[in-house]
N, C-alpha and C. Protein backbone atom coordinates (compact mmCIF):
# COMPACT_ATOMS: atom_id res chain seq x y z
N MET A 1 0.85 -1.18 0.00
CA MET A 1 0.00 0.00 0.00
C MET A 1 0.88 1.23 0.00
N SER A 2 0.56 2.20 -0.80
CA SER A 2 1.35 3.41 -0.89
C SER A 2 1.09 4.31 0.32
N GLY A 3 1.85 5.37 0.44
CA GLY A 3 1.75 6.27 1.58
C GLY A 3 0.64 7.30 1.47
N ASN A 4 -0.30 7.11 0.60
CA ASN A 4 -1.39 8.07 0.46
C ASN A 4 -2.32 7.98 1.65
N ASN A 5 -2.65 9.11 2.20
CA ASN A 5 -3.60 9.17 3.30
C ASN A 5 -4.85 9.86 2.79
N ASN A 6 -5.61 9.13 2.00
CA ASN A 6 -6.79 9.69 1.35
C ASN A 6 -8.02 9.40 2.18
N ASN A 7 -8.49 10.38 2.92
CA ASN A 7 -9.68 10.21 3.76
C ASN A 7 -10.91 10.46 2.91
N SER A 8 -11.59 9.41 2.57
CA SER A 8 -12.76 9.56 1.70
C SER A 8 -14.06 9.44 2.48
N GLY A 9 -14.00 9.70 3.78
CA GLY A 9 -15.19 9.62 4.61
C GLY A 9 -15.72 11.00 4.93
N ASN A 10 -16.12 11.19 6.18
CA ASN A 10 -16.66 12.46 6.63
C ASN A 10 -15.55 13.51 6.66
N THR A 11 -15.77 14.61 6.01
CA THR A 11 -14.77 15.67 5.98
C THR A 11 -15.12 16.80 6.93
N GLY A 12 -16.07 16.59 7.83
CA GLY A 12 -16.45 17.64 8.77
C GLY A 12 -17.33 18.67 8.07
N GLY A 13 -17.19 19.91 8.49
CA GLY A 13 -17.92 20.97 7.82
C GLY A 13 -19.37 21.09 8.25
N GLY A 14 -19.74 20.49 9.37
CA GLY A 14 -21.10 20.66 9.87
C GLY A 14 -22.14 19.91 9.07
N SER A 15 -21.94 18.63 8.89
CA SER A 15 -22.91 17.84 8.14
C SER A 15 -24.26 17.81 8.85
N LYS A 16 -25.29 17.48 8.11
CA LYS A 16 -26.65 17.45 8.65
C LYS A 16 -26.73 16.52 9.85
N GLY A 17 -27.31 17.01 10.93
CA GLY A 17 -27.45 16.21 12.13
C GLY A 17 -26.29 16.35 13.09
N SER A 18 -25.29 17.15 12.75
CA SER A 18 -24.16 17.32 13.65
C SER A 18 -24.49 18.38 14.71
N THR A 19 -23.75 18.32 15.81
CA THR A 19 -23.94 19.27 16.89
C THR A 19 -23.00 20.45 16.70
N PRO A 20 -23.51 21.68 16.71
CA PRO A 20 -22.63 22.83 16.51
C PRO A 20 -21.67 23.01 17.68
N MET A 21 -20.51 23.59 17.40
CA MET A 21 -19.50 23.87 18.43
C MET A 21 -20.00 24.99 19.32
N SER A 22 -19.96 24.76 20.64
CA SER A 22 -20.33 25.82 21.57
C SER A 22 -19.07 26.46 22.13
N GLN A 23 -19.23 27.59 22.79
CA GLN A 23 -18.08 28.26 23.38
C GLN A 23 -17.48 27.43 24.51
N SER A 24 -18.31 26.70 25.25
CA SER A 24 -17.77 25.86 26.31
C SER A 24 -17.01 24.66 25.74
N ASP A 25 -17.47 24.13 24.58
CA ASP A 25 -16.72 23.07 23.91
C ASP A 25 -15.34 23.58 23.50
N ALA A 26 -15.30 24.77 22.91
CA ALA A 26 -14.04 25.35 22.47
C ALA A 26 -13.11 25.60 23.65
N SER A 27 -13.67 26.01 24.77
CA SER A 27 -12.86 26.24 25.97
C SER A 27 -12.20 24.95 26.45
N ARG A 28 -12.96 23.86 26.42
CA ARG A 28 -12.39 22.56 26.83
C ARG A 28 -11.28 22.13 25.89
N ILE A 29 -11.46 22.36 24.60
CA ILE A 29 -10.43 22.01 23.62
C ILE A 29 -9.17 22.83 23.86
N GLN A 30 -9.33 24.13 24.07
CA GLN A 30 -8.17 24.99 24.31
C GLN A 30 -7.43 24.57 25.57
N SER A 31 -8.16 24.26 26.63
CA SER A 31 -7.54 23.85 27.88
C SER A 31 -6.75 22.55 27.71
N ALA A 32 -7.35 21.58 27.04
CA ALA A 32 -6.66 20.30 26.82
C ALA A 32 -5.42 20.48 25.96
N ASN A 33 -5.50 21.31 24.93
CA ASN A 33 -4.34 21.55 24.07
C ASN A 33 -3.23 22.26 24.84
N ALA A 34 -3.58 23.22 25.67
CA ALA A 34 -2.58 23.95 26.44
C ALA A 34 -1.87 23.02 27.44
N LYS A 35 -2.64 22.15 28.09
CA LYS A 35 -2.06 21.22 29.06
C LYS A 35 -1.15 20.20 28.41
N SER A 36 -1.46 19.80 27.18
CA SER A 36 -0.66 18.78 26.51
C SER A 36 0.49 19.36 25.70
N GLY A 37 0.57 20.68 25.63
CA GLY A 37 1.65 21.32 24.88
C GLY A 37 1.41 21.33 23.38
N SER A 38 0.17 21.18 22.95
CA SER A 38 -0.15 21.18 21.52
C SER A 38 -0.09 22.59 20.94
N ASP A 39 -0.29 22.66 19.64
CA ASP A 39 -0.23 23.92 18.89
C ASP A 39 -1.27 24.90 19.40
N MET A 40 -0.82 26.04 19.92
CA MET A 40 -1.73 27.08 20.41
C MET A 40 -1.68 28.33 19.53
N SER A 41 -1.19 28.17 18.29
CA SER A 41 -1.09 29.31 17.38
C SER A 41 -2.47 29.71 16.87
N SER A 42 -2.52 30.83 16.21
CA SER A 42 -3.79 31.33 15.70
C SER A 42 -4.36 30.46 14.58
N GLY A 43 -3.55 29.60 13.99
CA GLY A 43 -4.04 28.70 12.94
C GLY A 43 -4.28 27.29 13.43
N GLY A 44 -4.10 27.05 14.72
CA GLY A 44 -4.26 25.72 15.28
C GLY A 44 -5.72 25.34 15.47
N PHE A 45 -5.93 24.08 15.82
CA PHE A 45 -7.29 23.56 15.98
C PHE A 45 -8.05 24.29 17.08
N ALA A 46 -7.38 24.59 18.20
CA ALA A 46 -8.06 25.26 19.31
C ALA A 46 -8.59 26.63 18.89
N ALA A 47 -7.80 27.35 18.12
CA ALA A 47 -8.24 28.68 17.65
C ALA A 47 -9.41 28.56 16.69
N ARG A 48 -9.35 27.55 15.82
CA ARG A 48 -10.46 27.36 14.88
C ARG A 48 -11.72 26.93 15.61
N ALA A 49 -11.56 26.12 16.67
CA ALA A 49 -12.72 25.71 17.46
C ALA A 49 -13.35 26.92 18.16
N GLN A 50 -12.51 27.81 18.70
CA GLN A 50 -13.05 29.00 19.34
C GLN A 50 -13.79 29.87 18.34
N GLY A 51 -13.24 30.01 17.14
CA GLY A 51 -13.92 30.80 16.11
C GLY A 51 -15.28 30.22 15.76
N ALA A 52 -15.35 28.90 15.67
CA ALA A 52 -16.63 28.25 15.37
C ALA A 52 -17.62 28.45 16.51
N GLY A 53 -17.14 28.33 17.74
CA GLY A 53 -18.02 28.55 18.90
C GLY A 53 -18.54 29.97 18.95
N ASP A 54 -17.65 30.92 18.66
CA ASP A 54 -18.07 32.32 18.65
C ASP A 54 -19.09 32.59 17.54
N ARG A 55 -18.86 32.02 16.36
CA ARG A 55 -19.82 32.22 15.26
C ARG A 55 -21.18 31.63 15.62
N ASN A 56 -21.17 30.45 16.22
CA ASN A 56 -22.45 29.83 16.59
C ASN A 56 -23.16 30.61 17.69
N ALA A 57 -22.41 31.15 18.64
CA ALA A 57 -23.02 31.95 19.71
C ALA A 57 -23.62 33.23 19.14
N ASN A 58 -22.90 33.85 18.20
CA ASN A 58 -23.40 35.08 17.59
C ASN A 58 -24.63 34.81 16.73
N ALA A 59 -24.74 33.59 16.20
CA ALA A 59 -25.89 33.24 15.40
C ALA A 59 -27.08 32.84 16.27
N GLY A 60 -26.89 32.82 17.59
CA GLY A 60 -27.98 32.48 18.49
C GLY A 60 -28.13 31.00 18.72
N GLY A 61 -27.17 30.20 18.25
CA GLY A 61 -27.28 28.76 18.36
C GLY A 61 -26.97 28.18 19.72
N GLN A 62 -26.03 28.76 20.44
CA GLN A 62 -25.58 28.20 21.71
C GLN A 62 -25.37 29.31 22.73
N GLN A 63 -25.48 28.93 24.01
CA GLN A 63 -25.09 29.82 25.09
C GLN A 63 -23.82 29.26 25.70
N SER A 64 -22.94 30.14 26.19
CA SER A 64 -21.78 29.62 26.88
C SER A 64 -22.23 29.07 28.23
N GLY A 65 -21.60 28.03 28.68
CA GLY A 65 -22.00 27.39 29.91
C GLY A 65 -22.76 26.10 29.69
N GLY A 66 -23.32 25.91 28.53
CA GLY A 66 -23.90 24.64 28.16
C GLY A 66 -25.33 24.38 28.58
N THR A 67 -25.91 25.16 29.50
CA THR A 67 -27.29 24.89 29.91
C THR A 67 -28.15 26.11 29.67
N LYS A 68 -29.34 25.90 29.16
CA LYS A 68 -30.29 26.99 28.97
C LYS A 68 -31.29 26.97 30.11
N LYS A 69 -31.71 28.15 30.52
CA LYS A 69 -32.70 28.25 31.59
C LYS A 69 -34.00 28.80 31.05
């Protein structure tokens, strides 16, 4: 088998039925990445997760904290 890593499955991007990223989800991702010494740059996964959480919160989709009253 050659060294091709061709992922022909789910490519993400918010497919139908997926759960949107919340700000609290993004916070957990950032915390875990910081503790493990992972990439904390502005182009890293944690930053992209925070951007998605912020966009969803601004769209009215999620509240930070995870519970609605």
